[in-house]
Amino acid sequence: MNKFAIAFSAIAIVAAAASAQAGPARDCVLEGTVYKSGQGDDQSTNVQFHSMEKYSEDSKCRVRHDEKLQFKLPADTRLEKAPSGSTVRYRYQEDGKGESQTKLISVGA
């Protein structure tokens, strides 16, 4: 193997390792509206999401039209106490393996 091929291989390996550690595959802010149904102990809280944007300027946050994001909202008393119609914002992060986590950022009226 010549010196150029060895050097190129080393650069490719370093670049691949750097991109694997570069951060989440997706890092988005999801905005939605709280909807409550039922009464008392039978009341359920749902969120309907209506927008998505990058978490920061250099974040990746791309979803194709035929792709769905599926995740379970983490339990949070702020969401349970929020009145119907409140706006909520979540941070959605997904790694390259498809593992995701979602965190409630804010609840507003």
N, C-alpha and C. Protein backbone atom coordinates (compact mmCIF):
# COMPACT_ATOMS: atom_id res chain seq x y z
N MET A 1 0.85 -1.18 0.00
CA MET A 1 0.00 0.00 0.00
C MET A 1 0.89 1.23 0.00
N ASN A 2 0.60 2.19 -0.86
CA ASN A 2 1.45 3.37 -0.93
C ASN A 2 1.12 4.35 0.21
N LYS A 3 1.99 5.33 0.40
CA LYS A 3 1.84 6.27 1.51
C LYS A 3 0.57 7.09 1.40
N PHE A 4 0.16 7.45 0.18
CA PHE A 4 -1.07 8.22 -0.02
C PHE A 4 -2.29 7.43 0.45
N ALA A 5 -2.36 6.15 0.08
CA ALA A 5 -3.50 5.31 0.47
C ALA A 5 -3.54 5.14 1.98
N ILE A 6 -2.39 4.98 2.63
CA ILE A 6 -2.34 4.83 4.09
C ILE A 6 -2.81 6.12 4.76
N ALA A 7 -2.33 7.26 4.28
CA ALA A 7 -2.73 8.55 4.86
C ALA A 7 -4.21 8.79 4.65
N PHE A 8 -4.73 8.50 3.46
CA PHE A 8 -6.14 8.69 3.17
C PHE A 8 -6.99 7.80 4.08
N SER A 9 -6.59 6.54 4.27
CA SER A 9 -7.32 5.63 5.15
C SER A 9 -7.36 6.16 6.58
N ALA A 10 -6.24 6.67 7.06
CA ALA A 10 -6.18 7.22 8.42
C ALA A 10 -7.11 8.43 8.56
N ILE A 11 -7.13 9.30 7.56
CA ILE A 11 -8.01 10.47 7.60
C ILE A 11 -9.47 10.03 7.59
N ALA A 12 -9.82 9.05 6.79
CA ALA A 12 -11.20 8.56 6.71
C ALA A 12 -11.64 7.98 8.03
N ILE A 13 -10.76 7.24 8.71
CA ILE A 13 -11.11 6.64 10.01
C ILE A 13 -11.32 7.73 11.05
N VAL A 14 -10.45 8.74 11.08
CA VAL A 14 -10.59 9.84 12.03
C VAL A 14 -11.88 10.62 11.75
N ALA A 15 -12.19 10.87 10.49
CA ALA A 15 -13.40 11.60 10.13
C ALA A 15 -14.64 10.82 10.52
N ALA A 16 -14.63 9.51 10.32
CA ALA A 16 -15.78 8.68 10.70
C ALA A 16 -15.97 8.68 12.21
N ALA A 17 -14.90 8.61 12.97
CA ALA A 17 -14.99 8.63 14.42
C ALA A 17 -15.51 9.98 14.91
N ALA A 18 -15.07 11.06 14.29
CA ALA A 18 -15.53 12.40 14.68
C ALA A 18 -17.01 12.57 14.39
N SER A 19 -17.47 12.08 13.25
CA SER A 19 -18.89 12.24 12.93
C SER A 19 -19.76 11.37 13.82
N ALA A 20 -19.26 10.26 14.29
CA ALA A 20 -20.03 9.40 15.20
C ALA A 20 -20.21 10.07 16.55
N GLN A 21 -19.26 10.95 16.94
CA GLN A 21 -19.35 11.62 18.22
C GLN A 21 -19.83 13.05 18.09
N ALA A 22 -20.21 13.47 16.89
CA ALA A 22 -20.56 14.86 16.62
C ALA A 22 -21.82 15.31 17.35
N GLY A 23 -22.65 14.41 17.80
CA GLY A 23 -23.86 14.80 18.49
C GLY A 23 -25.03 14.01 17.97
N PRO A 24 -26.22 14.39 18.42
CA PRO A 24 -27.41 13.64 18.02
C PRO A 24 -27.71 13.76 16.53
N ALA A 25 -28.33 12.71 15.99
CA ALA A 25 -28.74 12.73 14.58
C ALA A 25 -29.84 13.77 14.38
N ARG A 26 -30.68 13.92 15.39
CA ARG A 26 -31.73 14.96 15.37
C ARG A 26 -31.73 15.65 16.71
N ASP A 27 -31.87 16.96 16.68
CA ASP A 27 -31.99 17.75 17.90
C ASP A 27 -32.97 18.87 17.59
N CYS A 28 -34.22 18.67 17.99
CA CYS A 28 -35.31 19.55 17.56
C CYS A 28 -36.09 20.10 18.75
N VAL A 29 -36.79 21.19 18.50
CA VAL A 29 -37.78 21.72 19.42
C VAL A 29 -39.14 21.48 18.79
N LEU A 30 -39.99 20.77 19.51
CA LEU A 30 -41.35 20.50 19.05
C LEU A 30 -42.29 21.39 19.85
N GLU A 31 -43.21 22.04 19.16
CA GLU A 31 -44.19 22.88 19.84
C GLU A 31 -45.57 22.30 19.60
N GLY A 32 -46.37 22.28 20.67
CA GLY A 32 -47.70 21.72 20.56
C GLY A 32 -48.68 22.39 21.50
N THR A 33 -49.90 21.90 21.47
CA THR A 33 -50.99 22.42 22.29
C THR A 33 -51.54 21.31 23.16
N VAL A 34 -51.80 21.62 24.43
CA VAL A 34 -52.35 20.66 25.39
C VAL A 34 -53.86 20.57 25.20
N TYR A 35 -54.35 19.33 25.18
CA TYR A 35 -55.79 19.08 25.13
C TYR A 35 -56.15 18.13 26.26
N LYS A 36 -57.18 18.50 27.01
CA LYS A 36 -57.66 17.66 28.12
C LYS A 36 -59.03 17.13 27.75
N SER A 37 -59.27 15.89 28.14
CA SER A 37 -60.60 15.31 27.92
C SER A 37 -60.98 14.50 29.16
N GLY A 38 -62.27 14.37 29.39
CA GLY A 38 -62.75 13.65 30.56
C GLY A 38 -62.77 14.54 31.78
N GLN A 39 -63.17 13.94 32.91
CA GLN A 39 -63.25 14.70 34.16
C GLN A 39 -62.74 13.85 35.31
N GLY A 40 -62.25 14.51 36.34
CA GLY A 40 -61.78 13.82 37.55
C GLY A 40 -60.68 12.82 37.27
N ASP A 41 -60.85 11.61 37.82
CA ASP A 41 -59.83 10.57 37.64
C ASP A 41 -59.75 10.05 36.21
N ASP A 42 -60.81 10.28 35.42
CA ASP A 42 -60.83 9.81 34.04
C ASP A 42 -60.27 10.84 33.05
N GLN A 43 -59.76 11.94 33.58
CA GLN A 43 -59.24 12.98 32.68
C GLN A 43 -57.91 12.53 32.07
N SER A 44 -57.79 12.74 30.77
CA SER A 44 -56.54 12.43 30.09
C SER A 44 -55.97 13.72 29.49
N THR A 45 -54.66 13.75 29.40
CA THR A 45 -53.96 14.90 28.85
C THR A 45 -53.25 14.46 27.58
N ASN A 46 -53.49 15.18 26.50
CA ASN A 46 -52.85 14.88 25.22
C ASN A 46 -52.19 16.15 24.69
N VAL A 47 -51.20 15.95 23.83
CA VAL A 47 -50.53 17.07 23.19
C VAL A 47 -50.60 16.85 21.69
N GLN A 48 -51.05 17.86 20.98
CA GLN A 48 -51.04 17.83 19.52
C GLN A 48 -49.92 18.76 19.06
N PHE A 49 -48.91 18.17 18.39
CA PHE A 49 -47.77 18.95 17.93
C PHE A 49 -48.08 19.58 16.59
N HIS A 50 -47.65 20.85 16.42
CA HIS A 50 -47.94 21.56 15.18
C HIS A 50 -46.73 22.21 14.55
N SER A 51 -45.57 22.22 15.23
CA SER A 51 -44.38 22.76 14.59
C SER A 51 -43.12 22.12 15.14
N MET A 52 -42.06 22.20 14.31
CA MET A 52 -40.78 21.62 14.68
C MET A 52 -39.69 22.50 14.07
N GLU A 53 -38.66 22.76 14.86
CA GLU A 53 -37.53 23.56 14.38
C GLU A 53 -36.25 23.06 15.03
N LYS A 54 -35.12 23.51 14.51
CA LYS A 54 -33.83 23.13 15.07
C LYS A 54 -33.72 23.63 16.51
N TYR A 55 -33.08 22.84 17.37
CA TYR A 55 -32.86 23.26 18.76
C TYR A 55 -31.86 24.42 18.81
N SER A 56 -30.81 24.32 18.02
CA SER A 56 -29.84 25.41 17.92
C SER A 56 -29.47 25.59 16.45
N GLU A 57 -28.74 26.63 16.17
CA GLU A 57 -28.43 26.95 14.78
C GLU A 57 -27.71 25.82 14.05
N ASP A 58 -26.83 25.10 14.74
CA ASP A 58 -26.09 24.03 14.08
C ASP A 58 -26.64 22.64 14.36
N SER A 59 -27.86 22.54 14.87
CA SER A 59 -28.51 21.25 15.09
C SER A 59 -29.04 20.69 13.78
N LYS A 60 -29.21 19.39 13.76
CA LYS A 60 -29.86 18.73 12.64
C LYS A 60 -31.28 18.39 13.07
N CYS A 61 -32.23 18.75 12.23
CA CYS A 61 -33.63 18.49 12.56
C CYS A 61 -34.39 18.35 11.25
N ARG A 62 -34.33 17.19 10.67
CA ARG A 62 -34.96 16.98 9.38
C ARG A 62 -35.82 15.73 9.45
N VAL A 63 -37.04 15.83 8.96
CA VAL A 63 -37.96 14.69 8.88
C VAL A 63 -38.57 14.71 7.49
N ARG A 64 -38.50 13.58 6.82
CA ARG A 64 -39.12 13.49 5.49
C ARG A 64 -40.64 13.45 5.65
N HIS A 65 -41.34 13.82 4.59
CA HIS A 65 -42.81 13.88 4.63
C HIS A 65 -43.44 12.53 4.92
N ASP A 66 -42.80 11.43 4.49
CA ASP A 66 -43.38 10.11 4.70
C ASP A 66 -42.90 9.47 6.00
N GLU A 67 -42.18 10.21 6.82
CA GLU A 67 -41.60 9.69 8.06
C GLU A 67 -42.35 10.23 9.27
N LYS A 68 -42.53 9.40 10.30
CA LYS A 68 -43.18 9.82 11.53
C LYS A 68 -42.19 9.72 12.68
N LEU A 69 -42.28 10.68 13.59
CA LEU A 69 -41.53 10.59 14.83
C LEU A 69 -42.46 9.96 15.85
N GLN A 70 -42.04 8.88 16.45
CA GLN A 70 -42.86 8.24 17.48
C GLN A 70 -42.07 8.21 18.78
N PHE A 71 -42.69 8.71 19.82
CA PHE A 71 -42.04 8.75 21.12
C PHE A 71 -43.10 8.88 22.19
N LYS A 72 -42.74 8.52 23.40
CA LYS A 72 -43.65 8.66 24.53
C LYS A 72 -43.23 9.89 25.32
N LEU A 73 -44.20 10.72 25.66
CA LEU A 73 -43.89 11.92 26.44
C LEU A 73 -43.55 11.50 27.87
N PRO A 74 -42.47 12.05 28.41
CA PRO A 74 -42.12 11.72 29.79
C PRO A 74 -43.13 12.33 30.76
N ALA A 75 -43.36 11.64 31.87
CA ALA A 75 -44.28 12.15 32.88
C ALA A 75 -43.72 13.45 33.45
N ASP A 76 -44.58 14.45 33.57
CA ASP A 76 -44.15 15.74 34.10
C ASP A 76 -45.38 16.42 34.70
N THR A 77 -45.29 16.81 35.97
CA THR A 77 -46.43 17.44 36.64
C THR A 77 -46.81 18.76 36.00
N ARG A 78 -45.85 19.45 35.38
CA ARG A 78 -46.17 20.72 34.72
C ARG A 78 -47.16 20.50 33.58
N LEU A 79 -47.02 19.39 32.87
CA LEU A 79 -47.94 19.09 31.78
C LEU A 79 -49.31 18.72 32.34
N GLU A 80 -49.33 17.93 33.39
CA GLU A 80 -50.60 17.53 33.99
C GLU A 80 -51.38 18.72 34.55
N LYS A 81 -50.66 19.72 35.07
CA LYS A 81 -51.31 20.90 35.65
C LYS A 81 -51.67 21.95 34.60
N ALA A 82 -51.12 21.83 33.40
CA ALA A 82 -51.36 22.84 32.35
C ALA A 82 -52.82 22.80 31.90
N PRO A 83 -53.45 23.96 31.77
CA PRO A 83 -54.82 23.99 31.28
C PRO A 83 -54.89 23.64 29.80
N SER A 84 -56.04 23.16 29.40
CA SER A 84 -56.27 22.85 27.99
C SER A 84 -56.05 24.12 27.17
N GLY A 85 -55.36 23.99 26.05
CA GLY A 85 -55.06 25.14 25.20
C GLY A 85 -53.67 25.71 25.44
N SER A 86 -52.98 25.25 26.47
CA SER A 86 -51.63 25.74 26.75
C SER A 86 -50.67 25.30 25.66
N THR A 87 -49.68 26.14 25.41
CA THR A 87 -48.61 25.80 24.46
C THR A 87 -47.49 25.13 25.23
N VAL A 88 -46.96 24.03 24.67
CA VAL A 88 -45.83 23.33 25.29
C VAL A 88 -44.71 23.22 24.27
N ARG A 89 -43.49 23.18 24.78
CA ARG A 89 -42.31 23.01 23.94
C ARG A 89 -41.48 21.87 24.52
N TYR A 90 -41.09 20.96 23.63
CA TYR A 90 -40.28 19.80 24.00
C TYR A 90 -38.99 19.81 23.20
N ARG A 91 -37.94 19.29 23.81
CA ARG A 91 -36.69 19.05 23.08
C ARG A 91 -36.66 17.56 22.75
N TYR A 92 -36.53 17.27 21.47
CA TYR A 92 -36.49 15.90 20.97
C TYR A 92 -35.09 15.64 20.44
N GLN A 93 -34.43 14.61 20.99
CA GLN A 93 -33.10 14.23 20.52
C GLN A 93 -33.12 12.77 20.11
N GLU A 94 -32.48 12.48 19.00
CA GLU A 94 -32.39 11.11 18.50
C GLU A 94 -30.96 10.85 18.07
N ASP A 95 -30.44 9.69 18.47
CA ASP A 95 -29.08 9.34 18.06
C ASP A 95 -29.11 8.58 16.74
N GLY A 96 -27.97 8.23 16.23
CA GLY A 96 -27.86 7.55 14.95
C GLY A 96 -28.46 6.16 14.94
N LYS A 97 -28.70 5.59 16.11
CA LYS A 97 -29.27 4.25 16.22
C LYS A 97 -30.79 4.26 16.31
N GLY A 98 -31.39 5.44 16.32
CA GLY A 98 -32.84 5.54 16.42
C GLY A 98 -33.36 5.66 17.84
N GLU A 99 -32.46 5.66 18.83
CA GLU A 99 -32.86 5.85 20.23
C GLU A 99 -33.17 7.33 20.43
N SER A 100 -34.25 7.63 21.14
CA SER A 100 -34.62 9.03 21.32
C SER A 100 -34.95 9.33 22.77
N GLN A 101 -34.88 10.62 23.08
CA GLN A 101 -35.34 11.10 24.38
C GLN A 101 -36.04 12.43 24.16
N THR A 102 -37.03 12.68 24.98
CA THR A 102 -37.83 13.89 24.87
C THR A 102 -37.91 14.54 26.24
N LYS A 103 -37.73 15.84 26.28
CA LYS A 103 -37.74 16.57 27.56
C LYS A 103 -38.60 17.81 27.43
N LEU A 104 -39.50 18.03 28.39
CA LEU A 104 -40.35 19.21 28.41
C LEU A 104 -39.50 20.44 28.73
N ILE A 105 -39.54 21.44 27.84
CA ILE A 105 -38.76 22.66 28.02
C ILE A 105 -39.60 23.73 28.70
N SER A 106 -40.83 23.92 28.20
CA SER A 106 -41.66 25.00 28.77
C SER A 106 -43.14 24.71 28.57
N VAL A 107 -43.92 25.31 29.46
CA VAL A 107 -45.39 25.26 29.40
C VAL A 107 -45.87 26.69 29.54
N GLY A 108 -46.69 27.14 28.61
CA GLY A 108 -47.21 28.50 28.67
C GLY A 108 -48.68 28.51 28.32
N ALA A 109 -49.35 29.57 28.64
CA ALA A 109 -50.79 29.66 28.36
C ALA A 109 -51.04 30.16 26.96
